[in-house]
């Protein structure tokens, strides 16, 4: 019983810590300690924290997150992210460009990153006469939907690490989810807009775009095709970007601060996972689930969606969701993808999601105005995706 009370207070602690802008990693560690104090002796709690901090899986998790953050920082610092969007803009009409720009900037999965693409979406949207609410929807939706299978998305990396399902396998199962999301994004965001301009493929712009995208492409190929550890692949991609730009201007202090904050997320994820396992809380939860005969998909769908909405951050949300569910079920890949997808859409529409907040602020739209497109698009996407994933679980052992 104490362990159940502990997990409730842990979730409350994490939620309030994030609301008051405490570092996400520190929030997770603080929540882990609260859970441990309710269910473990002090020596056992300290030993668990130490064991989780020095384990090989924690090292790989932290290195993956830090390396991805470093590559993101380099893209911003060298101007290559801007080059990606600008060169595409020379070849693609505005109607398509307002969706592609946030997706391109979405290759940099950083907190609040929607603010990078908002000015470009705003200017391109003006060319085709779309209202600010639709601009806000396009900026958010098309930035985040590709992250359903983007291999450098931190939450996807965490899901892979926690469940043992390879990134490649998750990406394969997420392809139909992505297609459905993009389709409803077009339906609710782009349908009815008159086209202006035409596709004009010029080699000089295409070459510049491909050159700017090369480090990310190399990273993805090394990870998914050659099966290298993701932090090794990202390190190679970062070296390639460094030699391509030869930039002498690099904000070392700022980058180190950002990477240290992201490293704390990795430690927080693994410490919370270990303490939740050692506390025995999930044995109690399992008995409650079995006693009430809850249909598994109900938990797999609504628990991660609720956690994502409450926290508004994908990394801690997937950590909490899987930490709660892993002891209860023997997951197959479609079930992992179902949990990830439901969590992701819950966090996508959360007012606490920083990208949601900065997009609303930039375009001067109220939350309810944004929800007029977000809620129908999200519901429609999940109505298709959830039955699809549940059906796939029947054919995968």
Protein backbone atom coordinates (compact mmCIF):
# COMPACT_ATOMS: atom_id res chain seq x y z
CA UNK A 1 0.00 0.00 0.00
CA UNK A 2 2.83 2.41 0.82
CA UNK A 3 4.30 1.82 -2.63
CA UNK A 4 1.01 2.86 -4.28
CA UNK A 5 0.97 6.05 -2.22
CA UNK A 6 4.60 6.55 -3.20
CA UNK A 7 3.96 6.37 -6.95
CA UNK A 8 1.06 8.83 -6.61
CA UNK A 9 3.28 11.31 -4.76
CA UNK A 10 6.11 10.67 -7.23
CA UNK A 11 3.89 11.61 -10.19
CA UNK A 12 2.65 14.70 -8.32
CA UNK A 13 6.24 15.67 -7.49
CA UNK A 14 7.38 15.31 -11.10
CA UNK A 15 4.37 17.25 -12.40
CA UNK A 16 4.78 20.18 -10.02
CA UNK A 17 8.56 20.26 -10.51
CA UNK A 18 8.08 20.64 -14.26
CA UNK A 19 5.33 23.22 -13.83
CA UNK A 20 7.78 25.29 -11.78
CA UNK A 21 10.42 24.90 -14.53
CA UNK A 22 12.79 22.55 -12.71
CA UNK A 23 15.06 20.62 -15.07
CA UNK A 24 13.24 17.55 -16.44
CA UNK A 25 16.03 15.20 -15.36
CA UNK A 26 16.09 16.61 -11.84
CA UNK A 27 12.30 16.32 -11.73
CA UNK A 28 12.54 12.62 -12.57
CA UNK A 29 15.29 12.05 -10.00
CA UNK A 30 13.30 13.91 -7.34
CA UNK A 31 10.22 11.83 -8.15
CA UNK A 32 12.33 8.67 -7.97
CA UNK A 33 13.56 9.60 -4.49
CA UNK A 34 10.00 10.29 -3.32
CA UNK A 35 8.92 6.85 -4.59
CA UNK A 36 11.94 5.21 -2.97
CA UNK A 37 11.33 6.83 0.41
CA UNK A 38 7.87 5.27 0.52
CA UNK A 39 8.98 1.77 -0.45
CA UNK A 40 12.71 1.21 0.26
CA UNK A 41 15.03 1.61 3.21
CA UNK A 42 17.51 4.49 2.93
CA UNK A 43 20.54 2.20 2.32
CA UNK A 44 18.60 0.28 -0.35
CA UNK A 45 17.48 3.53 -1.97
CA UNK A 46 21.03 4.89 -2.15
CA UNK A 47 22.32 1.56 -3.50
CA UNK A 48 19.62 1.49 -6.18
CA UNK A 49 20.45 5.04 -7.28
CA UNK A 50 24.15 4.15 -7.47
CA UNK A 51 23.54 0.91 -9.40
CA UNK A 52 21.24 2.63 -11.89
CA UNK A 53 23.71 5.51 -12.38
CA UNK A 54 26.71 3.32 -13.25
CA UNK A 55 25.02 0.63 -15.34
CA UNK A 56 25.98 0.09 -18.99
CA UNK A 57 22.41 0.70 -20.17
CA UNK A 58 22.42 4.08 -18.40
CA UNK A 59 25.73 4.97 -20.06
CA UNK A 60 24.31 4.16 -23.50
CA UNK A 61 21.12 6.08 -22.77
CA UNK A 62 22.96 9.20 -21.54
CA UNK A 63 25.45 9.13 -24.40
CA UNK A 64 22.64 8.78 -26.95
CA UNK A 65 20.71 11.76 -25.57
CA UNK A 66 23.82 13.95 -25.16
CA UNK A 67 25.13 13.19 -28.65
CA UNK A 68 21.76 13.98 -30.26
CA UNK A 69 21.63 17.25 -28.32
CA UNK A 70 25.14 18.15 -29.50
CA UNK A 71 24.26 17.49 -33.15
CA UNK A 72 21.11 19.63 -32.76
CA UNK A 73 23.17 22.42 -31.21
CA UNK A 74 25.69 22.31 -34.05
CA UNK A 75 22.93 22.56 -36.66
CA UNK A 76 21.53 25.66 -34.97
CA UNK A 77 24.94 27.20 -34.27
CA UNK A 78 26.27 26.79 -37.81
CA UNK A 79 23.12 27.95 -39.59
CA UNK A 80 22.68 24.65 -41.40
CA UNK A 81 19.10 24.30 -40.11
CA UNK A 82 18.23 27.61 -41.77
CA UNK A 83 19.94 26.45 -44.98
CA UNK A 84 17.70 23.37 -45.10
CA UNK A 85 14.52 25.46 -45.10
CA UNK A 86 15.80 28.24 -47.37
CA UNK A 87 16.97 25.92 -50.15
CA UNK A 88 13.72 23.98 -50.08
CA UNK A 89 11.86 27.28 -50.33
CA UNK A 90 13.50 27.92 -53.69
CA UNK A 91 12.01 24.73 -55.14
CA UNK A 92 8.65 24.10 -53.46
CA UNK A 93 5.37 26.11 -53.62
CA UNK A 94 4.15 27.86 -50.49
CA UNK A 95 1.20 25.50 -49.84
CA UNK A 96 3.54 22.54 -49.43
CA UNK A 97 6.32 24.59 -47.89
CA UNK A 98 4.25 25.63 -44.85
CA UNK A 99 4.10 21.94 -43.93
CA UNK A 100 7.65 21.02 -44.87
CA UNK A 101 9.36 23.90 -43.02
CA UNK A 102 8.29 22.76 -39.52
CA UNK A 103 9.12 19.16 -40.47
CA UNK A 104 12.62 20.21 -41.54
CA UNK A 105 13.19 22.14 -38.32
CA UNK A 106 11.73 19.13 -36.54
CA UNK A 107 14.92 17.20 -37.33
CA UNK A 108 16.25 19.21 -34.38
CA UNK A 109 14.16 17.68 -31.55
CA UNK A 110 14.80 20.41 -28.99
CA UNK A 111 12.43 21.75 -26.34
CA UNK A 112 10.42 24.68 -27.68
CA UNK A 113 11.88 24.17 -31.15
CA UNK A 114 8.62 25.13 -32.86
CA UNK A 115 9.68 28.74 -32.33
CA UNK A 116 12.46 28.28 -34.91
CA UNK A 117 10.03 27.48 -37.72
CA UNK A 118 7.18 29.81 -36.70
CA UNK A 119 8.49 32.97 -38.47
CA UNK A 120 9.00 31.10 -41.76
CA UNK A 121 5.59 29.43 -41.55
CA UNK A 122 4.12 32.86 -40.82
CA UNK A 123 5.68 34.51 -43.87
CA UNK A 124 4.91 31.64 -46.25
CA UNK A 125 1.37 31.44 -44.86
CA UNK A 126 0.83 35.11 -45.67
CA UNK A 127 1.64 34.38 -49.32
CA UNK A 128 -1.30 31.98 -49.57
CA UNK A 129 -3.62 33.94 -47.28
CA UNK A 130 -4.15 31.52 -44.39
CA UNK A 131 -5.30 32.65 -40.96
CA UNK A 132 -3.13 32.60 -37.84
CA UNK A 133 -4.95 29.65 -36.23
CA UNK A 134 -4.21 27.47 -39.24
CA UNK A 135 -0.58 28.63 -39.29
CA UNK A 136 -0.27 27.61 -35.64
CA UNK A 137 -1.75 24.18 -36.37
CA UNK A 138 0.57 23.60 -39.34
CA UNK A 139 3.63 24.71 -37.37
CA UNK A 140 2.88 22.30 -34.52
CA UNK A 141 1.41 19.32 -36.34
CA UNK A 142 3.96 18.92 -39.11
CA UNK A 143 6.87 19.54 -36.76
CA UNK A 144 5.84 16.74 -34.42
CA UNK A 145 4.11 14.07 -36.54
CA UNK A 146 7.41 12.95 -38.18
CA UNK A 147 8.75 12.32 -34.64
CA UNK A 148 6.45 9.31 -34.48
CA UNK A 149 9.26 7.44 -36.22
CA UNK A 150 12.23 9.84 -36.29
CA UNK A 151 15.25 7.87 -34.96
CA UNK A 152 16.80 10.91 -33.27
CA UNK A 153 13.67 11.64 -31.22
CA UNK A 154 14.76 11.25 -27.60
CA UNK A 155 11.48 9.70 -26.43
CA UNK A 156 11.66 7.06 -29.17
CA UNK A 157 15.24 6.24 -28.15
CA UNK A 158 14.09 5.93 -24.53
CA UNK A 159 11.21 3.61 -25.52
CA UNK A 160 13.64 1.42 -27.44
CA UNK A 161 16.09 1.28 -24.52
CA UNK A 162 13.45 0.52 -21.90
CA UNK A 163 11.68 -2.23 -23.85
CA UNK A 164 14.52 -3.78 -25.82
CA UNK A 165 12.62 -3.29 -29.09
CA UNK A 166 15.05 -2.05 -31.74
CA UNK A 167 14.64 1.41 -33.24
CA UNK A 168 14.40 -0.12 -36.71
CA UNK A 169 11.52 -2.39 -35.65
CA UNK A 170 9.65 0.49 -34.01
CA UNK A 171 10.10 2.66 -37.09
CA UNK A 172 8.67 -0.05 -39.36
CA UNK A 173 5.54 -0.36 -37.22
CA UNK A 174 5.21 3.43 -36.97
CA UNK A 175 5.12 3.96 -40.75
CA UNK A 176 1.32 3.53 -41.07
CA UNK A 177 0.86 5.74 -38.00
CA UNK A 178 2.89 8.46 -39.71
CA UNK A 179 0.92 8.13 -42.97
CA UNK A 180 -2.38 8.49 -41.11
CA UNK A 181 -1.08 11.49 -39.15
CA UNK A 182 0.16 13.26 -42.27
CA UNK A 183 -3.12 12.55 -44.08
CA UNK A 184 -5.25 14.11 -41.36
CA UNK A 185 -2.74 16.95 -41.07
CA UNK A 186 -3.40 17.73 -44.72
CA UNK A 187 -7.16 17.31 -44.28
CA UNK A 188 -7.41 19.68 -41.31
CA UNK A 189 -4.57 22.05 -42.23
CA UNK A 190 -4.05 22.31 -45.98
CA UNK A 191 -7.28 21.28 -47.68
CA UNK A 192 -8.96 24.14 -49.50
CA UNK A 193 -5.82 26.28 -49.79
CA UNK A 194 -5.19 27.46 -53.35
CA UNK A 195 -1.78 26.58 -54.70
CA UNK A 196 0.63 29.39 -55.52
CA UNK A 197 3.86 28.73 -57.33
CA UNK A 198 5.12 25.44 -58.70
CA UNK A 199 7.75 22.79 -58.11
CA UNK A 200 10.98 24.01 -59.68
CA UNK A 201 13.82 21.60 -59.05
CA UNK A 202 17.14 23.36 -59.59
CA UNK A 203 20.32 21.41 -59.06
CA UNK A 204 22.10 24.18 -57.14
CA UNK A 205 19.36 24.40 -54.51
CA UNK A 206 18.89 20.64 -54.35
CA UNK A 207 22.63 20.16 -53.92
CA UNK A 208 22.77 22.71 -51.09
CA UNK A 209 19.80 21.07 -49.37
CA UNK A 210 21.26 17.56 -49.63
CA UNK A 211 24.64 18.79 -48.43
CA UNK A 212 23.07 20.42 -45.36
CA UNK A 213 21.06 17.26 -44.67
CA UNK A 214 24.02 14.89 -45.16
CA UNK A 215 25.16 14.61 -41.49
CA UNK A 216 21.66 13.61 -40.39
CA UNK A 217 21.33 11.18 -43.30
CA UNK A 218 24.68 9.57 -42.44
CA UNK A 219 23.62 9.27 -38.79
CA UNK A 220 20.34 7.57 -39.68
CA UNK A 221 21.98 5.15 -42.12
CA UNK A 222 24.71 4.17 -39.65
CA UNK A 223 22.09 3.55 -36.95
CA UNK A 224 19.40 1.73 -38.92
CA UNK A 225 21.36 0.01 -41.69
CA UNK A 226 24.73 -0.75 -40.09
CA UNK A 227 23.18 -1.15 -36.62
CA UNK A 228 25.76 1.01 -34.84
CA UNK A 229 24.97 2.33 -31.38
CA UNK A 230 23.09 5.56 -31.88
CA UNK A 231 25.58 7.68 -29.92
CA UNK A 232 28.42 6.42 -32.15
CA UNK A 233 26.43 7.22 -35.29
CA UNK A 234 25.56 10.71 -34.05
CA UNK A 235 29.18 11.34 -33.07
CA UNK A 236 30.27 10.50 -36.63
CA UNK A 237 27.53 12.76 -38.03
CA UNK A 238 28.66 15.60 -35.75
CA UNK A 239 32.28 15.25 -36.90
CA UNK A 240 31.11 15.35 -40.52
CA UNK A 241 29.09 18.52 -39.86
CA UNK A 242 32.06 20.13 -38.09
CA UNK A 243 34.37 19.55 -41.07
CA UNK A 244 31.68 20.66 -43.51
CA UNK A 245 31.18 24.00 -41.78
CA UNK A 246 34.65 24.59 -40.29
CA UNK A 247 32.90 27.00 -37.94
CA UNK A 248 35.24 28.65 -35.46
CA UNK A 249 32.34 30.25 -33.64
CA UNK A 250 30.85 27.80 -31.21
CA UNK A 251 29.17 28.65 -27.92
CA UNK A 252 30.97 26.04 -25.83
CA UNK A 253 29.58 27.13 -22.46
CA UNK A 254 26.00 27.18 -23.72
CA UNK A 255 26.35 23.81 -25.44
CA UNK A 256 27.85 22.19 -22.33
CA UNK A 257 24.99 23.52 -20.19
CA UNK A 258 22.41 22.17 -22.62
CA UNK A 259 24.10 18.77 -22.85
CA UNK A 260 24.44 18.48 -19.08
CA UNK A 261 20.72 19.18 -18.70
CA UNK A 262 19.94 16.49 -21.26
CA UNK A 263 22.33 14.05 -19.56
CA UNK A 264 20.31 14.49 -16.37
CA UNK A 265 17.24 13.32 -18.28
CA UNK A 266 19.05 10.09 -19.15
CA UNK A 267 20.05 9.51 -15.53
CA UNK A 268 16.57 10.45 -14.32
CA UNK A 269 14.92 8.00 -16.72
CA UNK A 270 17.07 5.06 -15.63
CA UNK A 271 16.98 5.86 -11.89
CA UNK A 272 13.19 6.13 -11.94
CA UNK A 273 12.94 2.86 -13.85
CA UNK A 274 15.18 1.02 -11.39
CA UNK A 275 13.54 2.38 -8.23
CA UNK A 276 10.06 1.64 -9.59
CA UNK A 277 11.14 -1.96 -10.25
CA UNK A 278 12.78 -2.44 -6.84
CA UNK A 279 9.91 -0.82 -4.94
CA UNK A 280 7.44 -3.60 -5.76
CA UNK A 281 4.78 -1.04 -6.63
CA UNK A 282 3.93 -2.75 -9.90
CA UNK A 283 3.21 -6.07 -8.21
CA UNK A 284 0.49 -4.27 -6.27
CA UNK A 285 -0.78 -2.52 -9.41
CA UNK A 286 -0.81 -5.84 -11.28
CA UNK A 287 -2.98 -7.45 -8.62
CA UNK A 288 -5.41 -4.52 -8.81
CA UNK A 289 -5.56 -4.75 -12.60
CA UNK A 290 -6.20 -8.50 -12.49
CA UNK A 291 -8.78 -8.15 -9.72
CA UNK A 292 -10.74 -5.62 -11.77
CA UNK A 293 -10.29 -7.51 -15.06
CA UNK A 294 -9.18 -4.41 -16.95
CA UNK A 295 -8.87 -4.99 -20.69
CA UNK A 296 -5.13 -4.41 -21.44
CA UNK A 297 -5.65 -1.97 -24.36
CA UNK A 298 -7.49 0.38 -22.00
CA UNK A 299 -4.34 0.87 -19.93
CA UNK A 300 -2.04 0.83 -22.96
CA UNK A 301 -4.05 3.64 -24.58
CA UNK A 302 -5.35 5.91 -21.84
CA UNK A 303 -2.57 5.77 -19.24
CA UNK A 304 0.23 7.04 -21.54
CA UNK A 305 -2.13 9.55 -23.15
CA UNK A 306 -3.08 10.96 -19.75
CA UNK A 307 0.53 11.09 -18.56
CA UNK A 308 1.60 12.80 -21.79
CA UNK A 309 -1.14 15.40 -21.41
CA UNK A 310 -0.35 16.04 -17.73
CA UNK A 311 3.42 16.39 -18.15
CA UNK A 312 3.56 17.95 -21.62
CA UNK A 313 7.04 16.49 -22.20
CA UNK A 314 7.66 13.36 -24.25
CA UNK A 315 10.77 12.00 -22.47
CA UNK A 316 9.44 11.87 -18.89
CA UNK A 317 6.02 10.83 -20.19
CA UNK A 318 7.30 7.74 -22.01
CA UNK A 319 9.51 6.95 -19.01
CA UNK A 320 6.60 7.03 -16.57
CA UNK A 321 4.26 5.22 -18.94
CA UNK A 322 6.59 2.31 -19.66
CA UNK A 323 7.83 2.12 -16.07
CA UNK A 324 4.22 1.63 -14.98
CA UNK A 325 3.26 -0.79 -17.75
CA UNK A 326 6.34 -2.96 -18.31
CA UNK A 327 5.90 -4.99 -15.11
CA UNK A 328 2.26 -5.65 -16.01
CA UNK A 329 2.60 -6.90 -19.58
CA UNK A 330 4.99 -8.78 -21.80
CA UNK A 331 5.21 -6.24 -24.59
CA UNK A 332 5.51 -7.01 -28.28
CA UNK A 333 6.62 -4.29 -30.76
CA UNK A 334 3.12 -3.12 -31.80
CA UNK A 335 2.17 -2.66 -28.14
CA UNK A 336 5.28 -0.57 -27.50
CA UNK A 337 4.37 1.54 -30.54
CA UNK A 338 0.79 1.85 -29.28
CA UNK A 339 2.00 3.19 -25.92
CA UNK A 340 4.44 5.57 -27.61
CA UNK A 341 1.84 6.87 -30.08
CA UNK A 342 -0.82 7.48 -27.41
CA UNK A 343 1.71 9.20 -25.15
CA UNK A 344 2.91 11.34 -28.03
CA UNK A 345 -0.53 12.62 -29.00
CA UNK A 346 -1.37 13.28 -25.35
CA UNK A 347 1.76 15.40 -24.98
CA UNK A 348 1.23 17.04 -28.39
CA UNK A 349 -2.03 18.73 -27.37
CA UNK A 350 -1.02 19.52 -23.78
CA UNK A 351 -1.02 23.22 -22.82
CA UNK A 352 2.13 22.42 -20.80
CA UNK A 353 3.93 21.35 -23.98
CA UNK A 354 6.45 24.15 -24.56
CA UNK A 355 6.12 24.03 -28.36
CA UNK A 356 2.36 24.43 -27.96
CA UNK A 357 2.86 27.43 -25.68
CA UNK A 358 5.44 29.24 -27.83
CA UNK A 359 3.42 28.61 -31.00
CA UNK A 360 0.30 30.00 -29.34
CA UNK A 361 2.25 33.03 -28.13
CA UNK A 362 3.95 33.69 -31.48
CA UNK A 363 0.75 33.54 -33.53
CA UNK A 364 -1.32 35.24 -30.79
CA UNK A 365 -3.89 32.44 -30.66
CA UNK A 366 -5.72 31.23 -27.56
CA UNK A 367 -5.59 27.58 -26.54
CA UNK A 368 -9.26 27.00 -27.39
CA UNK A 369 -8.70 28.46 -30.86
CA UNK A 370 -5.84 26.04 -31.48
CA UNK A 371 -7.90 23.12 -30.19
CA UNK A 372 -10.50 23.66 -32.93
CA UNK A 373 -8.12 21.93 -35.34
CA UNK A 374 -5.89 19.98 -32.96
CA UNK A 375 -8.61 17.98 -31.18
CA UNK A 376 -10.45 16.76 -34.33
CA UNK A 377 -7.16 15.93 -36.07
CA UNK A 378 -5.86 14.05 -33.02
CA UNK A 379 -9.09 12.11 -32.47
CA UNK A 380 -9.37 11.19 -36.15
CA UNK A 381 -5.76 9.99 -36.24
CA UNK A 382 -6.09 7.88 -33.09
CA UNK A 383 -9.43 6.38 -34.22
CA UNK A 384 -7.53 4.88 -37.15
CA UNK A 385 -4.20 4.16 -35.44
CA UNK A 386 -5.35 2.51 -32.19
CA UNK A 387 -7.43 -0.29 -33.79
CA UNK A 388 -4.62 -0.84 -36.30
CA UNK A 389 -2.02 -1.33 -33.56
CA UNK A 390 -4.35 -3.53 -31.49
CA UNK A 391 -4.97 -5.67 -34.56
CA UNK A 392 -1.23 -6.01 -35.21
CA UNK A 393 -0.64 -7.23 -31.65
CA UNK A 394 -2.75 -10.29 -32.44
CA UNK A 395 -0.31 -11.39 -35.15
CA UNK A 396 2.96 -10.71 -33.30
CA UNK A 397 4.12 -12.94 -30.46
